[in-house]
C-alpha atoms as a PDB file:
ATOM      1  CA  MET A   1     -28.680   9.134  11.440  1.00  0.00           C
ATOM      2  CA  ASN A   2     -29.007  12.206  13.693  1.00  0.00           C
ATOM      3  CA  LYS A   3     -26.162  14.551  14.580  1.00  0.00           C
ATOM      4  CA  ALA A   4     -25.924  13.320  18.173  1.00  0.00           C
ATOM      5  CA  LYS A   5     -25.410   9.721  17.056  1.00  0.00           C
ATOM      6  CA  ILE A   6     -22.863  10.753  14.441  1.00  0.00           C
ATOM      7  CA  SER A   7     -20.979  12.747  17.070  1.00  0.00           C
ATOM      8  CA  THR A   8     -20.993   9.747  19.431  1.00  0.00           C
ATOM      9  CA  LEU A   9     -19.673   7.442  16.701  1.00  0.00           C
ATOM     10  CA  LEU A  10     -16.917   9.895  15.807  1.00  0.00           C
ATOM     11  CA  ARG A  11     -15.805  10.020  19.428  1.00  0.00           C
ATOM     12  CA  GLN A  12     -15.777   6.217  19.534  1.00  0.00           C
ATOM     13  CA  PHE A  13     -13.705   6.045  16.335  1.00  0.00           C
ATOM     14  CA  LYS A  14     -11.192   8.569  17.676  1.00  0.00           C
ATOM     15  CA  LEU A  15     -10.898   6.711  20.980  1.00  0.00           C
ATOM     16  CA  ILE A  16     -10.296   3.379  19.232  1.00  0.00           C
ATOM     17  CA  TYR A  17      -7.652   4.821  16.912  1.00  0.00           C
ATOM     18  CA  LEU A  18      -5.985   6.672  19.784  1.00  0.00           C
ATOM     19  CA  THR A  19      -5.917   3.447  21.799  1.00  0.00           C
ATOM     20  CA  ASP A  20      -4.377   1.641  18.830  1.00  0.00           C
ATOM     21  CA  LEU A  21      -1.738   4.353  18.419  1.00  0.00           C
ATOM     22  CA  ILE A  22      -0.840   4.090  22.096  1.00  0.00           C
ATOM     23  CA  ARG A  23      -0.605   0.305  21.739  1.00  0.00           C
ATOM     24  CA  PHE A  24       1.737   0.771  18.767  1.00  0.00           C
ATOM     25  CA  ARG A  25       4.017   3.080  20.737  1.00  0.00           C
ATOM     26  CA  ILE A  26       4.069   0.688  23.686  1.00  0.00           C
ATOM     27  CA  GLN A  27       5.042  -2.192  21.395  1.00  0.00           C
ATOM     28  CA  LYS A  28       7.695  -0.065  19.722  1.00  0.00           C
ATOM     29  CA  TYR A  29       9.237   0.783  23.085  1.00  0.00           C
ATOM     30  CA  LYS A  30       8.870  -2.785  24.392  1.00  0.00           C
ATOM     31  CA  HIS A  31      10.740  -4.257  21.420  1.00  0.00           C
ATOM     32  CA  SER A  32      13.200  -1.402  20.858  1.00  0.00           C
ATOM     33  CA  LYS A  33      16.275  -3.226  22.189  1.00  0.00           C
ATOM     34  CA  ALA A  34      15.486  -6.482  20.419  1.00  0.00           C
ATOM     35  CA  ASN A  35      14.724  -4.625  17.194  1.00  0.00           C
ATOM     36  CA  ALA A  36      17.980  -2.689  17.399  1.00  0.00           C
ATOM     37  CA  ALA A  37      19.850  -5.968  17.921  1.00  0.00           C
ATOM     38  CA  PHE A  38      18.095  -7.501  14.903  1.00  0.00           C
ATOM     39  CA  LYS A  39      19.088  -4.568  12.672  1.00  0.00           C
ATOM     40  CA  LYS A  40      22.682  -4.812  13.860  1.00  0.00           C
ATOM     41  CA  LYS A  41      22.792  -8.554  13.166  1.00  0.00           C
ATOM     42  CA  HIS A  42      20.949  -8.295   9.826  1.00  0.00           C
ATOM     43  CA  PRO A  43      21.977  -4.936   8.322  1.00  0.00           C
ATOM     44  CA  ASN A  44      20.986  -5.970   4.795  1.00  0.00           C
ATOM     45  CA  VAL A  45      17.427  -7.082   5.579  1.00  0.00           C
ATOM     46  CA  LYS A  46      14.979  -4.547   4.211  1.00  0.00           C
ATOM     47  CA  LEU A  47      12.285  -3.751   6.752  1.00  0.00           C
ATOM     48  CA  PRO A  48       9.053  -1.809   6.189  1.00  0.00           C
ATOM     49  CA  PRO A  49       8.230   1.329   8.186  1.00  0.00           C
ATOM     50  CA  ASP A  50       7.380   0.479  11.780  1.00  0.00           C
ATOM     51  CA  TYR A  51       3.667   1.305  11.689  1.00  0.00           C
ATOM     52  CA  LEU A  52       3.129  -0.696   8.487  1.00  0.00           C
ATOM     53  CA  MET A  53       4.700  -3.672  10.233  1.00  0.00           C
ATOM     54  CA  TYR A  54       2.625  -3.167  13.384  1.00  0.00           C
ATOM     55  CA  GLU A  55      -0.603  -2.586  11.465  1.00  0.00           C
ATOM     56  CA  SER A  56      -0.306  -5.916   9.669  1.00  0.00           C
ATOM     57  CA  PHE A  57       1.297  -7.989  12.418  1.00  0.00           C
ATOM     58  CA  GLN A  58       3.482  -6.995  15.403  1.00  0.00           C
ATOM     59  CA  MET A  59       6.138  -4.388  16.129  1.00  0.00           C
ATOM     60  CA  ASN A  60       8.844  -7.047  16.241  1.00  0.00           C
ATOM     61  CA  TYR A  61      11.485  -7.265  13.509  1.00  0.00           C
ATOM     62  CA  ASP A  62      12.481 -10.865  14.216  1.00  0.00           C
ATOM     63  CA  LYS A  63       8.883 -12.083  14.210  1.00  0.00           C
ATOM     64  CA  TYR A  64       8.207 -10.115  11.026  1.00  0.00           C
ATOM     65  CA  TYR A  65      11.218 -11.523   9.173  1.00  0.00           C
ATOM     66  CA  ASN A  66      12.056 -14.922  10.655  1.00  0.00           C
ATOM     67  CA  GLY A  67       8.468 -15.554  11.723  1.00  0.00           C
ATOM     68  CA  GLY A  68       7.386 -14.728   8.178  1.00  0.00           C
ATOM     69  CA  LEU A  69       9.932 -17.225   6.847  1.00  0.00           C
ATOM     70  CA  GLN A  70       8.625 -19.962   9.134  1.00  0.00           C
ATOM     71  CA  MET A  71       5.063 -19.153   8.095  1.00  0.00           C
ATOM     72  CA  ALA A  72       6.047 -19.377   4.418  1.00  0.00           C
ATOM     73  CA  LYS A  73       7.531 -22.829   5.053  1.00  0.00           C
ATOM     74  CA  SER A  74       4.475 -23.960   7.032  1.00  0.00           C
ATOM     75  CA  LEU A  75       2.060 -22.778   4.343  1.00  0.00           C
ATOM     76  CA  THR A  76       4.123 -24.492   1.669  1.00  0.00           C
ATOM     77  CA  ASP A  77       3.882 -27.773   3.586  1.00  0.00           C
ATOM     78  CA  HIS A  78       0.091 -27.386   3.676  1.00  0.00           C
ATOM     79  CA  PHE A  79      -0.032 -26.616  -0.047  1.00  0.00           C
ATOM     80  CA  LYS A  80       2.063 -29.681  -0.902  1.00  0.00           C
ATOM     81  CA  ASN A  81      -0.531 -31.942   0.697  1.00  0.00           C
ATOM     82  CA  HIS A  82      -3.041 -30.945  -1.971  1.00  0.00           C
ATOM     83  CA  ILE A  83      -1.269 -29.617  -5.069  1.00  0.00           C
ATOM     84  CA  GLU A  84       2.005 -30.058  -6.929  1.00  0.00           C
ATOM     85  CA  LEU A  85       4.000 -26.843  -6.508  1.00  0.00           C
ATOM     86  CA  GLU A  86       5.709 -26.570  -9.877  1.00  0.00           C
ATOM     87  CA  ASN A  87       5.135 -23.790 -12.416  1.00  0.00           C
ATOM     88  CA  LYS A  88       2.212 -22.502 -10.394  1.00  0.00           C
ATOM     89  CA  ARG A  89       0.810 -19.002  -9.889  1.00  0.00           C
ATOM     90  CA  ILE A  90       0.519 -18.207  -6.178  1.00  0.00           C
ATOM     91  CA  LEU A  91      -1.337 -15.218  -4.706  1.00  0.00           C
ATOM     92  CA  ASP A  92      -0.976 -13.700  -1.236  1.00  0.00           C
ATOM     93  CA  TRP A  93      -4.336 -11.968  -0.693  1.00  0.00           C
ATOM     94  CA  GLY A  94      -3.811  -9.203   1.857  1.00  0.00           C
ATOM     95  CA  CYS A  95      -0.028  -9.375   1.687  1.00  0.00           C
ATOM     96  CA  GLY A  96       0.551  -6.263   3.816  1.00  0.00           C
ATOM     97  CA  PRO A  97       4.240  -5.261   3.859  1.00  0.00           C
ATOM     98  CA  GLY A  98       5.343  -8.638   2.486  1.00  0.00           C
ATOM     99  CA  ARG A  99       5.910 -10.592   5.705  1.00  0.00           C
ATOM    100  CA  ILE A 100       5.210 -13.963   4.058  1.00  0.00           C
ATOM    101  CA  ILE A 101       5.305 -13.457   0.300  1.00  0.00           C
ATOM    102  CA  ARG A 102       8.880 -12.078   0.370  1.00  0.00           C
ATOM    103  CA  HIS A 103      10.117 -15.556   1.366  1.00  0.00           C
ATOM    104  CA  MET A 104       7.986 -17.650  -0.993  1.00  0.00           C
ATOM    105  CA  PRO A 105      10.258 -17.549  -4.082  1.00  0.00           C
ATOM    106  CA  LYS A 106      13.132 -19.068  -2.070  1.00  0.00           C
ATOM    107  CA  VAL A 107      10.980 -21.513  -0.126  1.00  0.00           C
ATOM    108  CA  ILE A 108       9.282 -22.972  -3.224  1.00  0.00           C
ATOM    109  CA  ASN A 109      11.637 -22.100  -6.120  1.00  0.00           C
ATOM    110  CA  LYS A 110      10.095 -24.409  -8.741  1.00  0.00           C
ATOM    111  CA  GLY A 111       9.326 -22.077 -11.603  1.00  0.00           C
ATOM    112  CA  CYS A 112       6.371 -20.507  -9.804  1.00  0.00           C
ATOM    113  CA  GLU A 113       5.119 -16.940 -10.178  1.00  0.00           C
ATOM    114  CA  PHE A 114       4.235 -14.980  -7.076  1.00  0.00           C
ATOM    115  CA  PHE A 115       1.675 -12.228  -6.591  1.00  0.00           C
ATOM    116  CA  GLY A 116       0.753 -10.004  -3.677  1.00  0.00           C
ATOM    117  CA  THR A 117      -2.276  -7.758  -3.330  1.00  0.00           C
ATOM    118  CA  ASP A 118      -3.428  -5.440  -0.555  1.00  0.00           C
ATOM    119  CA  TYR A 119      -5.729  -2.468  -0.108  1.00  0.00           C
ATOM    120  CA  ASN A 120      -3.078  -0.512   1.806  1.00  0.00           C
ATOM    121  CA  GLU A 121      -1.426   1.777  -0.728  1.00  0.00           C
ATOM    122  CA  LYS A 122       1.654   2.349   1.436  1.00  0.00           C
ATOM    123  CA  SER A 123       2.260  -1.380   1.914  1.00  0.00           C
ATOM    124  CA  ILE A 124       2.030  -2.065  -1.817  1.00  0.00           C
ATOM    125  CA  ALA A 125       4.317   0.880  -2.602  1.00  0.00           C
ATOM    126  CA  TRP A 126       6.917  -0.403  -0.133  1.00  0.00           C
ATOM    127  CA  CYS A 127       6.697  -4.000  -1.399  1.00  0.00           C
ATOM    128  CA  SER A 128       6.935  -2.941  -5.056  1.00  0.00           C
ATOM    129  CA  LYS A 129      10.082  -0.921  -4.334  1.00  0.00           C
ATOM    130  CA  ASN A 130      11.840  -3.363  -2.005  1.00  0.00           C
ATOM    131  CA  LEU A 131      10.800  -6.919  -2.902  1.00  0.00           C
ATOM    132  CA  PRO A 132      11.844  -7.715  -6.488  1.00  0.00           C
ATOM    133  CA  GLY A 133      10.640 -10.741  -8.425  1.00  0.00           C
ATOM    134  CA  ILE A 134       7.068 -10.564  -7.085  1.00  0.00           C
ATOM    135  CA  HIS A 135       4.096  -8.955  -8.836  1.00  0.00           C
ATOM    136  CA  PHE A 136       2.315  -6.520  -6.506  1.00  0.00           C
ATOM    137  CA  ASN A 137      -1.090  -4.938  -7.096  1.00  0.00           C
ATOM    138  CA  LYS A 138      -3.166  -2.592  -5.006  1.00  0.00           C
ATOM    139  CA  ASN A 139      -6.810  -3.568  -4.594  1.00  0.00           C
ATOM    140  CA  GLU A 140      -9.692  -1.705  -2.995  1.00  0.00           C
ATOM    141  CA  LEU A 141     -11.628  -2.701   0.104  1.00  0.00           C
ATOM    142  CA  THR A 142     -14.495  -3.679  -2.177  1.00  0.00           C
ATOM    143  CA  ALA A 143     -14.150  -7.123  -3.725  1.00  0.00           C
ATOM    144  CA  SER A 144     -12.302  -6.619  -6.995  1.00  0.00           C
ATOM    145  CA  LEU A 145      -8.940  -8.012  -8.069  1.00  0.00           C
ATOM    146  CA  PRO A 146      -6.915  -7.089 -11.188  1.00  0.00           C
ATOM    147  CA  TYR A 147      -6.561 -10.702 -12.314  1.00  0.00           C
ATOM    148  CA  GLU A 148      -8.288 -12.728 -15.018  1.00  0.00           C
ATOM    149  CA  ASP A 149     -10.761 -15.528 -14.338  1.00  0.00           C
ATOM    150  CA  ASP A 150      -9.152 -18.882 -13.476  1.00  0.00           C
ATOM    151  CA  SER A 151      -5.664 -17.360 -13.290  1.00  0.00           C
ATOM    152  CA  MET A 152      -4.275 -18.515  -9.906  1.00  0.00           C
ATOM    153  CA  ASP A 153      -3.370 -22.030  -8.773  1.00  0.00           C
ATOM    154  CA  VAL A 154      -2.969 -21.209  -5.064  1.00  0.00           C
ATOM    155  CA  ILE A 155      -4.440 -18.353  -3.028  1.00  0.00           C
ATOM    156  CA  TYR A 156      -3.790 -17.779   0.651  1.00  0.00           C
ATOM    157  CA  GLY A 157      -5.084 -15.140   3.036  1.00  0.00           C
ATOM    158  CA  ILE A 158      -3.785 -14.969   6.594  1.00  0.00           C
ATOM    159  CA  SER A 159      -6.079 -13.112   9.002  1.00  0.00           C
ATOM    160  CA  ILE A 160      -7.875 -11.153   6.272  1.00  0.00           C
ATOM    161  CA  PHE A 161     -11.461 -12.352   6.661  1.00  0.00           C
ATOM    162  CA  THR A 162     -10.980 -11.558  10.343  1.00  0.00           C
ATOM    163  CA  HIS A 163     -11.270  -7.837   9.510  1.00  0.00           C
ATOM    164  CA  LEU A 164     -14.266  -7.840   7.166  1.00  0.00           C
ATOM    165  CA  SER A 165     -18.052  -7.474   7.488  1.00  0.00           C
ATOM    166  CA  GLU A 166     -20.403 -10.369   6.818  1.00  0.00           C
ATOM    167  CA  GLN A 167     -21.358  -9.172   3.333  1.00  0.00           C
ATOM    168  CA  MET A 168     -17.705  -8.638   2.462  1.00  0.00           C
ATOM    169  CA  HIS A 169     -17.021 -12.264   3.372  1.00  0.00           C
ATOM    170  CA  TYR A 170     -19.334 -13.411   0.589  1.00  0.00           C
ATOM    171  CA  ASP A 171     -18.234 -10.715  -1.856  1.00  0.00           C
ATOM    172  CA  TRP A 172     -14.555 -11.437  -1.381  1.00  0.00           C
ATOM    173  CA  PHE A 173     -14.887 -15.192  -1.361  1.00  0.00           C
ATOM    174  CA  ASN A 174     -16.730 -15.028  -4.692  1.00  0.00           C
ATOM    175  CA  GLU A 175     -13.968 -12.809  -6.096  1.00  0.00           C
ATOM    176  CA  LEU A 176     -11.237 -15.171  -4.905  1.00  0.00           C
ATOM    177  CA  TYR A 177     -13.200 -18.085  -6.338  1.00  0.00           C
ATOM    178  CA  ARG A 178     -13.405 -16.244  -9.670  1.00  0.00           C
ATOM    179  CA  VAL A 179      -9.633 -15.889 -10.054  1.00  0.00           C
ATOM    180  CA  LEU A 180      -8.812 -19.378  -8.751  1.00  0.00           C
ATOM    181  CA  LYS A 181      -8.258 -22.066 -11.388  1.00  0.00           C
ATOM    182  CA  PRO A 182     -10.409 -25.197 -11.372  1.00  0.00           C
ATOM    183  CA  ASN A 183      -8.746 -27.688  -8.988  1.00  0.00           C
ATOM    184  CA  GLY A 184      -6.799 -24.801  -7.464  1.00  0.00           C
ATOM    185  CA  ILE A 185      -6.690 -24.452  -3.673  1.00  0.00           C
ATOM    186  CA  MET A 186      -7.271 -21.672  -1.169  1.00  0.00           C
ATOM    187  CA  LEU A 187      -5.886 -21.532   2.360  1.00  0.00           C
ATOM    188  CA  LEU A 188      -7.665 -19.030   4.599  1.00  0.00           C
ATOM    189  CA  THR A 189      -7.557 -18.407   8.345  1.00  0.00           C
ATOM    190  CA  MET A 190     -10.509 -17.588  10.598  1.00  0.00           C
ATOM    191  CA  GLN A 191     -11.123 -16.691  14.242  1.00  0.00           C
ATOM    192  CA  GLY A 192     -12.899 -19.867  15.272  1.00  0.00           C
ATOM    193  CA  ASP A 193     -13.763 -21.546  18.582  1.00  0.00           C
ATOM    194  CA  ASN A 194     -10.412 -20.612  20.132  1.00  0.00           C
ATOM    195  CA  PHE A 195     -11.659 -17.018  20.189  1.00  0.00           C
ATOM    196  CA  LYS A 196     -14.902 -17.670  22.056  1.00  0.00           C
ATOM    197  CA  ILE A 197     -13.124 -16.564  25.225  1.00  0.00           C
ATOM    198  CA  LYS A 198     -13.003 -13.046  23.759  1.00  0.00           C
ATOM    199  CA  LEU A 199     -16.775 -12.790  23.199  1.00  0.00           C
ATOM    200  CA  ASN A 200     -19.279 -11.200  25.551  1.00  0.00           C
ATOM    201  CA  ASP A 201     -22.545 -12.963  26.437  1.00  0.00           C
ATOM    202  CA  SER A 202     -24.642 -11.529  23.577  1.00  0.00           C
ATOM    203  CA  GLU A 203     -21.880 -12.206  21.040  1.00  0.00           C
ATOM    204  CA  LEU A 204     -21.407 -15.734  22.331  1.00  0.00           C
ATOM    205  CA  LYS A 205     -25.116 -16.432  21.920  1.00  0.00           C
ATOM    206  CA  LEU A 206     -24.985 -15.355  18.268  1.00  0.00           C
ATOM    207  CA  TYR A 207     -21.807 -17.345  17.696  1.00  0.00           C
ATOM    208  CA  ASP A 208     -23.221 -20.537  19.209  1.00  0.00           C
ATOM    209  CA  GLN A 209     -26.208 -20.198  16.873  1.00  0.00           C
ATOM    210  CA  GLY A 210     -23.803 -20.394  13.923  1.00  0.00           C
ATOM    211  CA  ASN A 211     -23.774 -16.676  13.118  1.00  0.00           C
ATOM    212  CA  ILE A 212     -20.707 -14.608  12.331  1.00  0.00           C
ATOM    213  CA  VAL A 213     -19.935 -12.025  15.024  1.00  0.00           C
ATOM    214  CA  VAL A 214     -18.535  -8.679  13.861  1.00  0.00           C
ATOM    215  CA  ARG A 215     -17.163  -5.824  15.937  1.00  0.00           C
ATOM    216  CA  GLY A 216     -17.265  -2.976  13.476  1.00  0.00           C
ATOM    217  CA  ASN A 217     -16.968   0.380  15.228  1.00  0.00           C
ATOM    218  CA  VAL A 218     -13.894   1.295  13.170  1.00  0.00           C
ATOM    219  CA  LYS A 219     -12.960   1.418   9.494  1.00  0.00           C
ATOM    220  CA  GLU A 220     -13.493  -1.963   7.868  1.00  0.00           C
ATOM    221  CA  GLY A 221     -10.218  -3.688   7.078  1.00  0.00           C
ATOM    222  CA  HIS A 222      -8.362  -2.040   9.978  1.00  0.00           C
ATOM    223  CA  ARG A 223      -6.615  -4.309  12.471  1.00  0.00           C
ATOM    224  CA  THR A 224      -9.094  -3.330  15.206  1.00  0.00           C
ATOM    225  CA  TYR A 225     -12.125  -4.350  13.097  1.00  0.00           C
ATOM    226  CA  SER A 226     -12.756  -7.944  14.095  1.00  0.00           C
ATOM    227  CA  ALA A 227     -14.878 -10.879  12.910  1.00  0.00           C
ATOM    228  CA  PHE A 228     -15.380 -14.261  14.611  1.00  0.00           C
ATOM    229  CA  HIS A 229     -16.303 -17.376  12.635  1.00  0.00           C
ATOM    230  CA  PRO A 230     -18.309 -20.373  13.884  1.00  0.00           C
ATOM    231  CA  LYS A 231     -17.850 -23.555  11.885  1.00  0.00           C
ATOM    232  CA  ALA A 232     -21.394 -23.484  10.481  1.00  0.00           C
ATOM    233  CA  PHE A 233     -20.889 -20.018   9.023  1.00  0.00           C
ATOM    234  CA  VAL A 234     -17.590 -20.950   7.362  1.00  0.00           C
ATOM    235  CA  GLN A 235     -19.074 -24.121   5.897  1.00  0.00           C
ATOM    236  CA  SER A 236     -21.867 -22.018   4.391  1.00  0.00           C
ATOM    237  CA  LEU A 237     -19.358 -19.513   3.020  1.00  0.00           C
ATOM    238  CA  PHE A 238     -17.356 -22.303   1.378  1.00  0.00           C
ATOM    239  CA  SER A 239     -20.396 -24.280   0.194  1.00  0.00           C
ATOM    240  CA  LYS A 240     -19.445 -24.294  -3.502  1.00  0.00           C
ATOM    241  CA  THR A 241     -15.973 -25.663  -2.840  1.00  0.00           C
ATOM    242  CA  GLU A 242     -14.589 -28.943  -1.548  1.00  0.00           C
ATOM    243  CA  VAL A 243     -13.325 -28.492   1.998  1.00  0.00           C
ATOM    244  CA  LEU A 244     -10.021 -30.369   2.152  1.00  0.00           C
ATOM    245  CA  GLU A 245      -8.976 -29.537   5.707  1.00  0.00           C
ATOM    246  CA  HIS A 246     -10.221 -27.652   8.749  1.00  0.00           C
ATOM    247  CA  ILE A 247      -7.353 -27.365  11.203  1.00  0.00           C
ATOM    248  CA  VAL A 248      -8.034 -26.125  14.720  1.00  0.00           C
ATOM    249  CA  GLN A 249      -4.660 -25.051  16.053  1.00  0.00           C
ATOM    250  CA  SER A 250      -3.699 -25.122  19.704  1.00  0.00           C
ATOM    251  CA  SER A 251      -1.218 -23.000  21.611  1.00  0.00           C
ATOM    252  CA  GLU A 252       0.546 -23.249  24.951  1.00  0.00           C
ATOM    253  CA  HIS A 253       1.142 -19.494  24.933  1.00  0.00           C
ATOM    254  CA  LYS A 254      -1.645 -17.564  26.656  1.00  0.00           C
ATOM    255  CA  SER A 255      -0.649 -14.385  24.826  1.00  0.00           C
ATOM    256  CA  TRP A 256      -1.315 -15.925  21.406  1.00  0.00           C
ATOM    257  CA  VAL A 257      -4.677 -17.333  20.296  1.00  0.00           C
ATOM    258  CA  PRO A 258      -4.298 -19.299  17.038  1.00  0.00           C
ATOM    259  CA  GLN A 259      -6.729 -18.973  14.171  1.00  0.00           C
ATOM    260  CA  ASP A 260      -8.343 -21.901  12.395  1.00  0.00           C
ATOM    261  CA  ILE A 261      -6.905 -22.931   9.020  1.00  0.00           C
ATOM    262  CA  TRP A 262      -9.326 -23.815   6.240  1.00  0.00           C
ATOM    263  CA  ILE A 263      -8.117 -25.333   2.960  1.00  0.00           C
ATOM    264  CA  VAL A 264     -10.581 -25.673   0.091  1.00  0.00           C
ATOM    265  CA  ARG A 265     -10.457 -26.747  -3.542  1.00  0.00           C
ATOM    266  CA  LYS A 266     -12.333 -25.221  -6.470  1.00  0.00           C
END
């Protein structure tokens, strides 16, 4: 790669990160009153640093905490359709600053063990210090987890594949498959057909041919790195599992585009 191209890419990276930082500050200002009210009403709720919250979700304390609780309950309902949730080992892959996993011990509470892993060192440090009773581990961006083969009964990953390259999809799915017990289940979300409205003409052509579409002009794994998943691609990715459910969610809110939910069994 020549110096001119490298220089162009660096300028693009800086522009994207600057845009993201501006977006963060806008969200922080937009939700400042509501967030202050939440802290006043819930003084004992431990909240992660603002940018960690924004980077993994939104700059909104209520949606982080109460929205995370509702998500934990919703996921548990999905799990119950396919596995008995008693004395199980449950892993949140890409747990971020604990939005969902922090609620799981209370939502399930049947002798289960809970684990959270993320490549963000700051998120794992915050979770380990502030969320007792859950085992947290830092992983790398490359597909490697510090767990033994066949060690987890349930694995879920919410909007994690959405920030990975095509090769990383296969690498990470194989790693998740490795640590999942036989008959264990995985619940993973993808940017499916609902997101076609976000694609340009060339991307849409690739997507409609069954190919994953990746926008990768930033660091892989960052919130602005984005992947879009046609059904044919996901079925190929999950080919060695039994697909239990493919749920295409709908939303009446134009500001929120829901991801597809895929549940598979090893």
